[in-house]
Amino acid sequence: MKYDSQYYMLKESGRAASYMLDQVEGSDEGLGRLMAIHPIHRRVLGPGRVGISEGNRAKFQPCDYHETAEQLVSEKFRKVLAPFNLPGIDFYQTDIVNDDKTWSDYYFMHIWNHHKAIHKKRSEIKGTYVGNRFTLLKLSLHEKVLDQVPLEERLVFTLEEKPVFLFHESVVAALRAADLSGLGFRRVDSWSIGSAFEDDDDDFYDDL
């Protein structure tokens, strides 16, 4: 279970959680494939475009991280990740539009670096692993799988079985040090499907 204490899930926090953002008319059609576990750069021909579908428009100021159906990050966020030279991660420039205001220094983050890393006996699911027809209730990562992957190739990755994005503690430490807004992290061994509704707590960072 050693990796369960080394990896974190990224989640919305603070002001970002008060809004729901979605792609709107004018967003490149190729960005509808952001959940794919393969590169999509040949299908994306232009920028993304995001609008506010829920929340007080008059008070909106973008954070460094917003969850849409995907992950929307600021230039500041992107620069924190750049020195890690992460494989299988692409950024697509995206405008956040709110009435007559536009913020252009944002990106959809497409994580297509993937590993089939769920430990089936220790994890808890609702459904069946056959055909990946399940809801993940509690996650544990498989040591034998991740031991075969060099650390630099699994600093950030998505589970092949489910669109769950995982960040190594070293990347989390860098993101936290940058004082970014709108994001929190839940360590894998502290995560369950119900924890998404719990408040963020600095205890999740105690081991960093």
N, C-alpha and C. Protein backbone atom coordinates (compact mmCIF):
# COMPACT_ATOMS: atom_id res chain seq x y z
N MET A 1 0.82 -1.21 0.00
CA MET A 1 0.00 0.00 0.00
C MET A 1 0.86 1.26 0.00
N LYS A 2 2.15 1.13 -0.32
CA LYS A 2 3.06 2.26 -0.18
C LYS A 2 2.67 3.44 -1.07
N TYR A 3 2.08 3.19 -2.23
CA TYR A 3 1.76 4.28 -3.14
C TYR A 3 0.48 5.02 -2.74
N ASP A 4 -0.33 4.40 -1.90
CA ASP A 4 -1.57 5.06 -1.48
C ASP A 4 -1.29 6.32 -0.66
N SER A 5 -0.12 6.37 -0.03
CA SER A 5 0.25 7.55 0.75
C SER A 5 1.14 8.52 -0.03
N GLN A 6 1.46 8.18 -1.29
CA GLN A 6 2.31 9.03 -2.10
C GLN A 6 1.56 9.79 -3.18
N TYR A 7 0.33 9.38 -3.46
CA TYR A 7 -0.43 9.98 -4.56
C TYR A 7 -1.69 10.69 -4.03
N TYR A 8 -2.04 11.76 -4.76
CA TYR A 8 -3.16 12.61 -4.38
C TYR A 8 -4.08 12.82 -5.57
N MET A 9 -5.34 13.07 -5.25
CA MET A 9 -6.32 13.48 -6.26
C MET A 9 -6.53 14.98 -6.14
N LEU A 10 -6.60 15.64 -7.25
CA LEU A 10 -6.83 17.07 -7.31
C LEU A 10 -8.32 17.34 -7.24
N LYS A 11 -8.71 18.35 -6.46
CA LYS A 11 -10.13 18.70 -6.34
C LYS A 11 -10.29 20.21 -6.23
N GLU A 12 -11.49 20.66 -6.58
CA GLU A 12 -11.81 22.08 -6.46
C GLU A 12 -11.92 22.48 -5.00
N SER A 13 -11.59 23.74 -4.71
CA SER A 13 -11.65 24.22 -3.34
C SER A 13 -11.93 25.72 -3.34
N GLY A 14 -12.44 26.22 -2.22
CA GLY A 14 -12.64 27.66 -2.05
C GLY A 14 -13.60 28.26 -3.04
N ARG A 15 -13.23 29.44 -3.58
CA ARG A 15 -14.10 30.18 -4.50
C ARG A 15 -14.47 29.37 -5.74
N ALA A 16 -13.54 28.55 -6.19
CA ALA A 16 -13.79 27.79 -7.42
C ALA A 16 -15.01 26.89 -7.28
N ALA A 17 -15.23 26.38 -6.07
CA ALA A 17 -16.34 25.46 -5.85
C ALA A 17 -17.70 26.14 -5.91
N SER A 18 -17.71 27.46 -5.94
CA SER A 18 -18.98 28.21 -6.01
C SER A 18 -19.49 28.37 -7.43
N TYR A 19 -18.71 27.89 -8.39
CA TYR A 19 -19.07 28.07 -9.80
C TYR A 19 -18.99 26.76 -10.56
N MET A 20 -19.80 26.70 -11.61
CA MET A 20 -19.70 25.60 -12.55
C MET A 20 -19.39 26.19 -13.91
N LEU A 21 -18.31 25.72 -14.54
CA LEU A 21 -17.90 26.21 -15.85
C LEU A 21 -18.04 25.10 -16.87
N ASP A 22 -18.48 25.46 -18.06
CA ASP A 22 -18.66 24.48 -19.12
C ASP A 22 -18.21 25.08 -20.45
N GLN A 23 -17.83 24.20 -21.37
CA GLN A 23 -17.53 24.66 -22.71
C GLN A 23 -18.78 25.24 -23.35
N VAL A 24 -18.61 26.34 -24.09
CA VAL A 24 -19.72 27.02 -24.73
C VAL A 24 -19.46 27.10 -26.24
N GLU A 25 -20.43 27.67 -26.94
CA GLU A 25 -20.32 27.82 -28.38
C GLU A 25 -19.02 28.54 -28.74
N GLY A 26 -18.33 28.03 -29.73
CA GLY A 26 -17.07 28.62 -30.14
C GLY A 26 -15.87 27.86 -29.63
N SER A 27 -16.08 26.91 -28.70
CA SER A 27 -14.98 26.09 -28.21
C SER A 27 -14.66 25.02 -29.25
N ASP A 28 -13.38 24.77 -29.46
CA ASP A 28 -12.98 23.80 -30.48
C ASP A 28 -13.61 22.43 -30.21
N GLU A 29 -14.18 21.83 -31.25
CA GLU A 29 -14.88 20.56 -31.10
C GLU A 29 -13.96 19.44 -30.63
N GLY A 30 -12.69 19.52 -30.99
CA GLY A 30 -11.76 18.48 -30.57
C GLY A 30 -11.58 18.38 -29.08
N LEU A 31 -11.89 19.47 -28.36
CA LEU A 31 -11.74 19.47 -26.91
C LEU A 31 -12.83 18.66 -26.22
N GLY A 32 -13.77 18.15 -26.99
CA GLY A 32 -14.76 17.24 -26.42
C GLY A 32 -14.17 15.87 -26.11
N ARG A 33 -12.92 15.66 -26.48
CA ARG A 33 -12.27 14.37 -26.29
C ARG A 33 -11.23 14.41 -25.16
N LEU A 34 -11.36 15.34 -24.24
CA LEU A 34 -10.35 15.51 -23.21
C LEU A 34 -10.25 14.35 -22.22
N MET A 35 -11.26 13.50 -22.18
CA MET A 35 -11.19 12.36 -21.27
C MET A 35 -10.50 11.16 -21.92
N ALA A 36 -10.07 11.29 -23.16
CA ALA A 36 -9.43 10.18 -23.87
C ALA A 36 -8.06 9.87 -23.27
N ILE A 37 -7.68 8.58 -23.29
CA ILE A 37 -6.36 8.20 -22.80
C ILE A 37 -5.41 7.99 -23.97
N HIS A 38 -5.53 8.89 -24.93
CA HIS A 38 -4.61 8.94 -26.07
C HIS A 38 -4.51 10.41 -26.49
N PRO A 39 -3.45 10.80 -27.20
CA PRO A 39 -3.31 12.21 -27.59
C PRO A 39 -4.41 12.66 -28.53
N ILE A 40 -4.80 13.93 -28.40
CA ILE A 40 -5.88 14.46 -29.24
C ILE A 40 -5.43 15.69 -30.03
N HIS A 41 -4.12 15.96 -30.06
CA HIS A 41 -3.65 17.22 -30.65
C HIS A 41 -3.99 17.34 -32.13
N ARG A 42 -4.14 16.23 -32.81
CA ARG A 42 -4.49 16.31 -34.23
C ARG A 42 -5.94 16.72 -34.45
N ARG A 43 -6.75 16.59 -33.41
CA ARG A 43 -8.17 16.93 -33.53
C ARG A 43 -8.49 18.34 -33.02
N VAL A 44 -7.56 18.91 -32.26
CA VAL A 44 -7.79 20.25 -31.70
C VAL A 44 -7.14 21.27 -32.62
N LEU A 45 -7.97 22.08 -33.26
CA LEU A 45 -7.49 23.03 -34.27
C LEU A 45 -7.55 24.48 -33.80
N GLY A 46 -8.19 24.72 -32.66
CA GLY A 46 -8.33 26.09 -32.18
C GLY A 46 -8.47 26.13 -30.67
N PRO A 47 -8.67 27.31 -30.11
CA PRO A 47 -8.76 27.45 -28.65
C PRO A 47 -10.08 26.96 -28.09
N GLY A 48 -10.07 26.73 -26.80
CA GLY A 48 -11.30 26.40 -26.09
C GLY A 48 -12.01 27.68 -25.66
N ARG A 49 -13.26 27.51 -25.28
CA ARG A 49 -14.07 28.64 -24.81
C ARG A 49 -15.00 28.13 -23.72
N VAL A 50 -14.94 28.78 -22.56
CA VAL A 50 -15.68 28.31 -21.38
C VAL A 50 -16.51 29.46 -20.83
N GLY A 51 -17.73 29.13 -20.40
CA GLY A 51 -18.60 30.11 -19.77
C GLY A 51 -19.11 29.61 -18.44
N ILE A 52 -19.74 30.50 -17.69
CA ILE A 52 -20.27 30.17 -16.36
C ILE A 52 -21.69 29.66 -16.50
N SER A 53 -21.92 28.44 -16.05
CA SER A 53 -23.27 27.87 -16.11
C SER A 53 -23.96 27.89 -14.77
N GLU A 54 -23.20 28.11 -13.71
CA GLU A 54 -23.80 28.19 -12.38
C GLU A 54 -22.92 29.03 -11.48
N GLY A 55 -23.52 29.96 -10.71
CA GLY A 55 -22.78 30.83 -9.81
C GLY A 55 -23.06 32.29 -10.09
N ASN A 56 -22.64 33.15 -9.17
CA ASN A 56 -22.89 34.59 -9.27
C ASN A 56 -21.92 35.22 -10.27
N ARG A 57 -22.42 35.51 -11.46
CA ARG A 57 -21.57 36.06 -12.52
C ARG A 57 -20.94 37.39 -12.12
N ALA A 58 -21.68 38.21 -11.39
CA ALA A 58 -21.20 39.55 -11.05
C ALA A 58 -19.96 39.51 -10.16
N LYS A 59 -19.80 38.44 -9.38
CA LYS A 59 -18.69 38.35 -8.44
C LYS A 59 -17.58 37.42 -8.95
N PHE A 60 -17.73 36.90 -10.13
CA PHE A 60 -16.77 35.89 -10.61
C PHE A 60 -15.39 36.46 -10.88
N GLN A 61 -14.39 35.80 -10.33
CA GLN A 61 -12.99 36.01 -10.67
C GLN A 61 -12.37 34.62 -10.79
N PRO A 62 -11.71 34.33 -11.89
CA PRO A 62 -11.21 32.97 -12.07
C PRO A 62 -10.12 32.60 -11.07
N CYS A 63 -10.10 31.32 -10.71
CA CYS A 63 -9.05 30.77 -9.85
C CYS A 63 -8.01 30.08 -10.72
N ASP A 64 -6.98 29.56 -10.09
CA ASP A 64 -5.94 28.86 -10.85
C ASP A 64 -6.38 27.47 -11.27
N TYR A 65 -7.44 26.98 -10.66
CA TYR A 65 -7.96 25.66 -11.03
C TYR A 65 -9.48 25.67 -10.98
N HIS A 66 -10.09 25.12 -12.02
CA HIS A 66 -11.53 24.93 -12.07
C HIS A 66 -11.81 23.56 -12.66
N GLU A 67 -12.77 22.87 -12.07
CA GLU A 67 -13.24 21.63 -12.67
C GLU A 67 -14.38 21.95 -13.61
N THR A 68 -14.25 21.50 -14.83
CA THR A 68 -15.40 21.49 -15.73
C THR A 68 -15.70 20.00 -15.86
N ALA A 69 -16.02 19.51 -17.02
CA ALA A 69 -16.04 18.06 -17.19
C ALA A 69 -14.60 17.57 -17.20
N GLU A 70 -13.65 18.52 -17.32
CA GLU A 70 -12.24 18.22 -17.39
C GLU A 70 -11.51 19.05 -16.35
N GLN A 71 -10.27 19.42 -16.60
CA GLN A 71 -9.50 20.24 -15.67
C GLN A 71 -9.02 21.49 -16.39
N LEU A 72 -9.38 22.64 -15.85
CA LEU A 72 -9.03 23.93 -16.43
C LEU A 72 -8.04 24.60 -15.49
N VAL A 73 -6.87 24.98 -16.01
CA VAL A 73 -5.82 25.51 -15.15
C VAL A 73 -5.28 26.83 -15.71
N SER A 74 -4.70 27.62 -14.82
CA SER A 74 -4.14 28.91 -15.21
C SER A 74 -2.72 28.74 -15.75
N GLU A 75 -2.21 29.80 -16.34
CA GLU A 75 -0.82 29.82 -16.79
C GLU A 75 0.12 29.62 -15.61
N LYS A 76 -0.22 30.17 -14.47
CA LYS A 76 0.60 30.01 -13.27
C LYS A 76 0.69 28.54 -12.88
N PHE A 77 -0.43 27.85 -12.94
CA PHE A 77 -0.47 26.41 -12.65
C PHE A 77 0.40 25.66 -13.66
N ARG A 78 0.24 25.98 -14.92
CA ARG A 78 0.99 25.30 -15.98
C ARG A 78 2.49 25.47 -15.80
N LYS A 79 2.92 26.66 -15.39
CA LYS A 79 4.34 26.93 -15.21
C LYS A 79 4.92 26.12 -14.05
N VAL A 80 4.11 25.82 -13.04
CA VAL A 80 4.59 24.99 -11.94
C VAL A 80 4.91 23.58 -12.43
N LEU A 81 4.09 23.07 -13.33
CA LEU A 81 4.30 21.71 -13.83
C LEU A 81 5.43 21.61 -14.87
N ALA A 82 5.71 22.70 -15.56
CA ALA A 82 6.66 22.66 -16.68
C ALA A 82 8.02 22.05 -16.33
N PRO A 83 8.66 22.38 -15.20
CA PRO A 83 9.99 21.83 -14.91
C PRO A 83 10.00 20.31 -14.74
N PHE A 84 8.85 19.70 -14.48
CA PHE A 84 8.80 18.25 -14.30
C PHE A 84 8.86 17.49 -15.63
N ASN A 85 8.67 18.20 -16.74
CA ASN A 85 8.70 17.55 -18.06
C ASN A 85 7.81 16.31 -18.10
N LEU A 86 6.57 16.49 -17.73
CA LEU A 86 5.65 15.37 -17.56
C LEU A 86 5.26 14.76 -18.90
N PRO A 87 5.41 13.45 -19.05
CA PRO A 87 5.00 12.81 -20.30
C PRO A 87 3.49 12.62 -20.35
N GLY A 88 2.93 12.65 -21.56
CA GLY A 88 1.52 12.36 -21.72
C GLY A 88 0.59 13.41 -21.15
N ILE A 89 1.02 14.66 -21.14
CA ILE A 89 0.16 15.75 -20.67
C ILE A 89 0.26 16.90 -21.67
N ASP A 90 -0.88 17.35 -22.16
CA ASP A 90 -0.92 18.47 -23.10
C ASP A 90 -1.81 19.57 -22.54
N PHE A 91 -1.53 20.80 -22.97
CA PHE A 91 -2.31 21.96 -22.54
C PHE A 91 -2.89 22.66 -23.77
N TYR A 92 -4.16 23.00 -23.71
CA TYR A 92 -4.84 23.65 -24.83
C TYR A 92 -5.40 24.99 -24.37
N GLN A 93 -4.91 26.05 -24.99
CA GLN A 93 -5.32 27.41 -24.59
C GLN A 93 -6.83 27.55 -24.66
N THR A 94 -7.38 28.15 -23.61
CA THR A 94 -8.83 28.27 -23.47
C THR A 94 -9.19 29.61 -22.85
N ASP A 95 -10.19 30.27 -23.41
CA ASP A 95 -10.71 31.53 -22.87
C ASP A 95 -11.83 31.25 -21.88
N ILE A 96 -11.78 31.94 -20.75
CA ILE A 96 -12.93 31.98 -19.84
C ILE A 96 -13.68 33.27 -20.15
N VAL A 97 -14.95 33.16 -20.47
CA VAL A 97 -15.75 34.31 -20.89
C VAL A 97 -16.88 34.54 -19.90
N ASN A 98 -17.00 35.78 -19.45
CA ASN A 98 -18.09 36.16 -18.55
C ASN A 98 -18.62 37.51 -19.01
N ASP A 99 -19.71 37.50 -19.75
CA ASP A 99 -20.27 38.72 -20.34
C ASP A 99 -19.20 39.40 -21.20
N ASP A 100 -18.79 40.63 -20.84
CA ASP A 100 -17.83 41.35 -21.68
C ASP A 100 -16.39 41.15 -21.22
N LYS A 101 -16.16 40.24 -20.27
CA LYS A 101 -14.80 39.98 -19.78
C LYS A 101 -14.29 38.65 -20.33
N THR A 102 -13.01 38.63 -20.67
CA THR A 102 -12.38 37.41 -21.17
C THR A 102 -11.01 37.24 -20.52
N TRP A 103 -10.77 36.06 -20.02
CA TRP A 103 -9.45 35.69 -19.47
C TRP A 103 -8.86 34.65 -20.41
N SER A 104 -7.73 34.98 -21.02
CA SER A 104 -7.15 34.12 -22.05
C SER A 104 -5.97 33.29 -21.59
N ASP A 105 -5.51 33.50 -20.37
CA ASP A 105 -4.33 32.77 -19.88
C ASP A 105 -4.73 31.51 -19.12
N TYR A 106 -5.61 30.73 -19.76
CA TYR A 106 -6.08 29.47 -19.17
C TYR A 106 -5.93 28.34 -20.18
N TYR A 107 -5.90 27.12 -19.64
CA TYR A 107 -5.66 25.95 -20.47
C TYR A 107 -6.49 24.76 -19.99
N PHE A 108 -7.01 24.00 -20.93
CA PHE A 108 -7.50 22.67 -20.59
C PHE A 108 -6.28 21.76 -20.48
N MET A 109 -6.22 20.99 -19.41
CA MET A 109 -5.12 20.06 -19.20
C MET A 109 -5.59 18.66 -19.60
N HIS A 110 -4.97 18.09 -20.59
CA HIS A 110 -5.31 16.74 -21.04
C HIS A 110 -4.25 15.77 -20.57
N ILE A 111 -4.63 14.90 -19.64
CA ILE A 111 -3.71 13.90 -19.10
C ILE A 111 -4.01 12.57 -19.78
N TRP A 112 -3.13 12.15 -20.68
CA TRP A 112 -3.34 10.88 -21.35
C TRP A 112 -2.26 9.87 -21.03
N ASN A 113 -1.39 10.23 -20.09
CA ASN A 113 -0.45 9.26 -19.52
C ASN A 113 -1.25 8.37 -18.59
N HIS A 114 -1.33 7.09 -18.87
CA HIS A 114 -2.22 6.25 -18.09
C HIS A 114 -1.56 4.93 -17.70
N HIS A 115 -2.02 4.40 -16.56
CA HIS A 115 -1.54 3.11 -16.07
C HIS A 115 -2.71 2.34 -15.48
N LYS A 116 -2.73 1.05 -15.72
CA LYS A 116 -3.78 0.18 -15.18
C LYS A 116 -3.36 -0.22 -13.78
N ALA A 117 -3.65 0.64 -12.81
CA ALA A 117 -2.98 0.55 -11.51
C ALA A 117 -3.92 0.35 -10.33
N ILE A 118 -5.17 -0.01 -10.56
CA ILE A 118 -6.08 -0.27 -9.44
C ILE A 118 -5.77 -1.65 -8.84
N HIS A 119 -5.60 -1.68 -7.53
CA HIS A 119 -5.46 -2.97 -6.84
C HIS A 119 -6.87 -3.50 -6.59
N LYS A 120 -7.25 -4.52 -7.30
CA LYS A 120 -8.64 -4.96 -7.31
C LYS A 120 -9.11 -5.54 -5.98
N LYS A 121 -8.20 -6.16 -5.24
CA LYS A 121 -8.61 -6.77 -3.96
C LYS A 121 -8.77 -5.73 -2.86
N ARG A 122 -7.92 -4.70 -2.86
CA ARG A 122 -7.98 -3.71 -1.78
C ARG A 122 -8.94 -2.56 -2.08
N SER A 123 -9.17 -2.28 -3.35
CA SER A 123 -10.09 -1.20 -3.71
C SER A 123 -11.53 -1.68 -3.52
N GLU A 124 -12.44 -0.71 -3.43
CA GLU A 124 -13.86 -1.03 -3.30
C GLU A 124 -14.61 -0.41 -4.47
N ILE A 125 -15.49 -1.20 -5.07
CA ILE A 125 -16.25 -0.73 -6.23
C ILE A 125 -17.72 -1.10 -6.10
N LYS A 126 -18.52 -0.44 -6.90
CA LYS A 126 -19.92 -0.83 -7.09
C LYS A 126 -20.07 -1.19 -8.56
N GLY A 127 -20.34 -2.44 -8.84
CA GLY A 127 -20.40 -2.89 -10.22
C GLY A 127 -19.43 -4.02 -10.46
N THR A 128 -18.83 -4.08 -11.64
CA THR A 128 -17.93 -5.16 -11.99
C THR A 128 -16.70 -4.62 -12.72
N TYR A 129 -15.56 -5.26 -12.46
CA TYR A 129 -14.34 -4.90 -13.17
C TYR A 129 -14.39 -5.32 -14.64
N VAL A 130 -15.29 -6.24 -14.97
CA VAL A 130 -15.40 -6.69 -16.35
C VAL A 130 -15.87 -5.53 -17.22
N GLY A 131 -15.07 -5.18 -18.20
CA GLY A 131 -15.42 -4.06 -19.07
C GLY A 131 -15.38 -2.72 -18.37
N ASN A 132 -14.77 -2.66 -17.16
CA ASN A 132 -14.69 -1.42 -16.38
C ASN A 132 -16.06 -0.81 -16.12
N ARG A 133 -17.05 -1.66 -15.88
CA ARG A 133 -18.41 -1.18 -15.61
C ARG A 133 -18.61 -1.07 -14.10
N PHE A 134 -17.97 -0.09 -13.52
CA PHE A 134 -18.05 0.05 -12.07
C PHE A 134 -17.90 1.51 -11.65
N THR A 135 -18.37 1.79 -10.45
CA THR A 135 -18.13 3.06 -9.77
C THR A 135 -17.09 2.81 -8.70
N LEU A 136 -16.06 3.62 -8.67
CA LEU A 136 -14.99 3.46 -7.69
C LEU A 136 -15.42 4.08 -6.37
N LEU A 137 -15.46 3.26 -5.31
CA LEU A 137 -15.87 3.74 -3.99
C LEU A 137 -14.67 4.06 -3.10
N LYS A 138 -13.63 3.28 -3.22
CA LYS A 138 -12.40 3.48 -2.45
C LYS A 138 -11.26 2.92 -3.28
N LEU A 139 -10.12 3.62 -3.29
CA LEU A 139 -9.02 3.27 -4.19
C LEU A 139 -7.78 2.83 -3.42
N SER A 140 -7.15 1.78 -3.94
CA SER A 140 -5.81 1.41 -3.51
C SER A 140 -5.01 1.09 -4.77
N LEU A 141 -3.76 1.56 -4.81
CA LEU A 141 -2.93 1.42 -5.99
C LEU A 141 -2.07 0.17 -5.93
N HIS A 142 -1.82 -0.42 -7.10
CA HIS A 142 -1.12 -1.69 -7.19
C HIS A 142 0.39 -1.46 -7.25
N GLU A 143 1.10 -1.96 -6.22
CA GLU A 143 2.53 -1.75 -6.15
C GLU A 143 3.28 -2.41 -7.31
N LYS A 144 2.89 -3.62 -7.67
CA LYS A 144 3.62 -4.35 -8.70
C LYS A 144 3.55 -3.64 -10.05
N VAL A 145 2.43 -2.97 -10.31
CA VAL A 145 2.29 -2.22 -11.55
C VAL A 145 3.18 -0.98 -11.53
N LEU A 146 3.05 -0.18 -10.49
CA LEU A 146 3.77 1.10 -10.45
C LEU A 146 5.26 0.91 -10.21
N ASP A 147 5.67 -0.19 -9.58
CA ASP A 147 7.09 -0.46 -9.40
C ASP A 147 7.80 -0.63 -10.74
N GLN A 148 7.05 -1.00 -11.76
CA GLN A 148 7.64 -1.23 -13.08
C GLN A 148 7.79 0.06 -13.90
N VAL A 149 7.26 1.17 -13.36
CA VAL A 149 7.26 2.44 -14.09
C VAL A 149 8.21 3.41 -13.40
N PRO A 150 9.20 3.95 -14.10
CA PRO A 150 10.09 4.94 -13.49
C PRO A 150 9.29 6.12 -12.92
N LEU A 151 9.76 6.65 -11.82
CA LEU A 151 9.02 7.72 -11.15
C LEU A 151 8.71 8.88 -12.08
N GLU A 152 9.67 9.29 -12.91
CA GLU A 152 9.46 10.44 -13.79
C GLU A 152 8.36 10.19 -14.82
N GLU A 153 7.99 8.93 -15.02
CA GLU A 153 6.94 8.60 -15.98
C GLU A 153 5.58 8.42 -15.32
N ARG A 154 5.52 8.56 -14.00
CA ARG A 154 4.25 8.42 -13.30
C ARG A 154 4.04 9.51 -12.24
N LEU A 155 4.69 10.65 -12.44
CA LEU A 155 4.49 11.76 -11.51
C LEU A 155 3.05 12.26 -11.56
N VAL A 156 2.48 12.30 -12.75
CA VAL A 156 1.06 12.61 -12.94
C VAL A 156 0.53 11.62 -13.96
N PHE A 157 -0.56 10.95 -13.61
CA PHE A 157 -1.15 10.01 -14.56
C PHE A 157 -2.63 9.81 -14.26
N THR A 158 -3.30 9.20 -15.20
CA THR A 158 -4.70 8.84 -15.00
C THR A 158 -4.81 7.33 -14.94
N LEU A 159 -5.77 6.84 -14.18
CA LEU A 159 -6.03 5.41 -14.16
C LEU A 159 -6.61 4.98 -15.49
N GLU A 160 -6.07 3.93 -16.06
CA GLU A 160 -6.59 3.43 -17.34
C GLU A 160 -8.03 2.95 -17.19
N GLU A 161 -8.36 2.43 -16.02
CA GLU A 161 -9.69 1.86 -15.80
C GLU A 161 -10.78 2.92 -15.63
N LYS A 162 -10.41 4.06 -15.07
CA LYS A 162 -11.37 5.12 -14.76
C LYS A 162 -10.69 6.48 -14.91
N PRO A 163 -11.44 7.53 -15.26
CA PRO A 163 -10.82 8.86 -15.39
C PRO A 163 -10.54 9.51 -14.04
N VAL A 164 -9.59 8.92 -13.31
CA VAL A 164 -9.14 9.46 -12.03
C VAL A 164 -7.70 9.91 -12.22
N PHE A 165 -7.43 11.19 -11.93
CA PHE A 165 -6.12 11.77 -12.16
C PHE A 165 -5.33 11.78 -10.85
N LEU A 166 -4.09 11.29 -10.90
CA LEU A 166 -3.28 11.14 -9.71
C LEU A 166 -1.99 11.93 -9.81
N PHE A 167 -1.64 12.61 -8.72
CA PHE A 167 -0.48 13.49 -8.67
C PHE A 167 0.46 13.00 -7.56
N HIS A 168 1.73 12.80 -7.91
CA HIS A 168 2.71 12.36 -6.92
C HIS A 168 2.95 13.47 -5.90
N GLU A 169 3.34 13.07 -4.70
CA GLU A 169 3.52 14.03 -3.61
C GLU A 169 4.52 15.13 -3.96
N SER A 170 5.52 14.85 -4.79
CA SER A 170 6.50 15.87 -5.16
C SER A 170 5.87 16.95 -6.02
N VAL A 171 4.94 16.58 -6.88
CA VAL A 171 4.23 17.55 -7.70
C VAL A 171 3.25 18.34 -6.85
N VAL A 172 2.59 17.65 -5.94
CA VAL A 172 1.66 18.32 -5.02
C VAL A 172 2.39 19.37 -4.18
N ALA A 173 3.58 19.03 -3.71
CA ALA A 173 4.36 19.98 -2.91
C ALA A 173 4.68 21.24 -3.71
N ALA A 174 5.02 21.07 -4.99
CA ALA A 174 5.34 22.23 -5.84
C ALA A 174 4.10 23.07 -6.08
N LEU A 175 2.98 22.44 -6.32
CA LEU A 175 1.74 23.18 -6.54
C LEU A 175 1.32 23.94 -5.28
N ARG A 176 1.48 23.29 -4.15
CA ARG A 176 1.11 23.94 -2.90
C ARG A 176 2.02 25.14 -2.60
N ALA A 177 3.30 24.99 -2.89
CA ALA A 177 4.26 26.07 -2.63
C ALA A 177 3.98 27.29 -3.50
N ALA A 178 3.32 27.08 -4.64
CA ALA A 178 3.03 28.19 -5.55
C ALA A 178 1.83 29.01 -5.11
N ASP A 179 1.18 28.59 -4.04
CA ASP A 179 0.04 29.34 -3.49
C ASP A 179 -1.04 29.56 -4.54
N LEU A 180 -1.45 28.51 -5.19
CA LEU A 180 -2.49 28.58 -6.22
C LEU A 180 -3.87 28.60 -5.58
N SER A 181 -4.80 29.21 -6.27
CA SER A 181 -6.16 29.30 -5.75
C SER A 181 -7.07 28.27 -6.42
N GLY A 182 -8.08 27.85 -5.68
CA GLY A 182 -9.12 27.00 -6.25
C GLY A 182 -8.86 25.52 -6.22
N LEU A 183 -7.77 25.07 -5.58
CA LEU A 183 -7.49 23.65 -5.59
C LEU A 183 -7.10 23.12 -4.23
N GLY A 184 -7.46 21.87 -4.02
CA GLY A 184 -7.06 21.12 -2.85
C GLY A 184 -6.69 19.72 -3.31
N PHE A 185 -6.17 18.92 -2.38
CA PHE A 185 -5.78 17.57 -2.73
C PHE A 185 -6.30 16.60 -1.68
N ARG A 186 -6.65 15.43 -2.13
CA ARG A 186 -7.06 14.36 -1.23
C ARG A 186 -6.12 13.17 -1.47
N ARG A 187 -5.40 12.77 -0.42
CA ARG A 187 -4.48 11.65 -0.58
C ARG A 187 -5.27 10.36 -0.81
N VAL A 188 -4.71 9.48 -1.61
CA VAL A 188 -5.44 8.27 -2.01
C VAL A 188 -5.91 7.48 -0.80
N ASP A 189 -5.07 7.33 0.22
CA ASP A 189 -5.49 6.53 1.37
C ASP A 189 -6.49 7.25 2.26
N SER A 190 -6.79 8.52 1.96
CA SER A 190 -7.82 9.26 2.69
C SER A 190 -9.07 9.48 1.85
N TRP A 191 -9.03 8.98 0.61
CA TRP A 191 -10.13 9.23 -0.32
C TRP A 191 -11.16 8.11 -0.31
N SER A 192 -12.43 8.51 -0.42
CA SER A 192 -13.52 7.61 -0.72
C SER A 192 -14.51 8.41 -1.52
N ILE A 193 -15.51 7.77 -2.10
CA ILE A 193 -16.45 8.51 -2.93
C ILE A 193 -17.18 9.58 -2.12
N GLY A 194 -17.34 9.36 -0.83
CA GLY A 194 -18.01 10.35 0.02
C GLY A 194 -17.12 11.52 0.40
N SER A 195 -15.81 11.36 0.31
CA SER A 195 -14.90 12.44 0.73
C SER A 195 -14.96 13.64 -0.19
N ALA A 196 -15.53 13.48 -1.39
CA ALA A 196 -15.66 14.61 -2.30
C ALA A 196 -16.55 15.69 -1.73
N PHE A 197 -17.39 15.33 -0.74
CA PHE A 197 -18.33 16.28 -0.16
C PHE A 197 -17.82 16.83 1.17
N GLU A 198 -16.60 16.45 1.56
CA GLU A 198 -16.03 16.93 2.81
C GLU A 198 -15.18 18.16 2.54
N ASP A 199 -15.01 18.99 3.57
CA ASP A 199 -14.19 20.19 3.44
C ASP A 199 -12.72 19.81 3.34
N ASP A 200 -11.94 20.67 2.66
CA ASP A 200 -10.50 20.47 2.61
C ASP A 200 -9.90 20.66 3.99
N ASP A 201 -8.78 20.01 4.22
CA ASP A 201 -8.12 20.08 5.52
C ASP A 201 -6.62 20.03 5.28
N ASP A 202 -5.86 20.86 5.96
CA ASP A 202 -4.41 20.88 5.78
C ASP A 202 -3.78 19.56 6.17
N ASP A 203 -4.49 18.70 6.94
CA ASP A 203 -3.94 17.41 7.31
C ASP A 203 -3.59 16.57 6.09
N PHE A 204 -4.24 16.82 4.98
CA PHE A 204 -3.96 16.05 3.78
C PHE A 204 -2.54 16.32 3.28
N TYR A 205 -1.89 17.37 3.78
CA TYR A 205 -0.56 17.73 3.33
C TYR A 205 0.51 17.37 4.36
N ASP A 206 0.13 16.76 5.48
CA ASP A 206 1.05 16.61 6.59
C ASP A 206 2.32 15.84 6.24
N ASP A 207 2.24 14.93 5.30
CA ASP A 207 3.40 14.09 4.99
C ASP A 207 4.30 14.71 3.92
N LEU A 208 3.98 15.91 3.45
CA LEU A 208 4.79 16.50 2.39
C LEU A 208 5.99 17.24 2.96
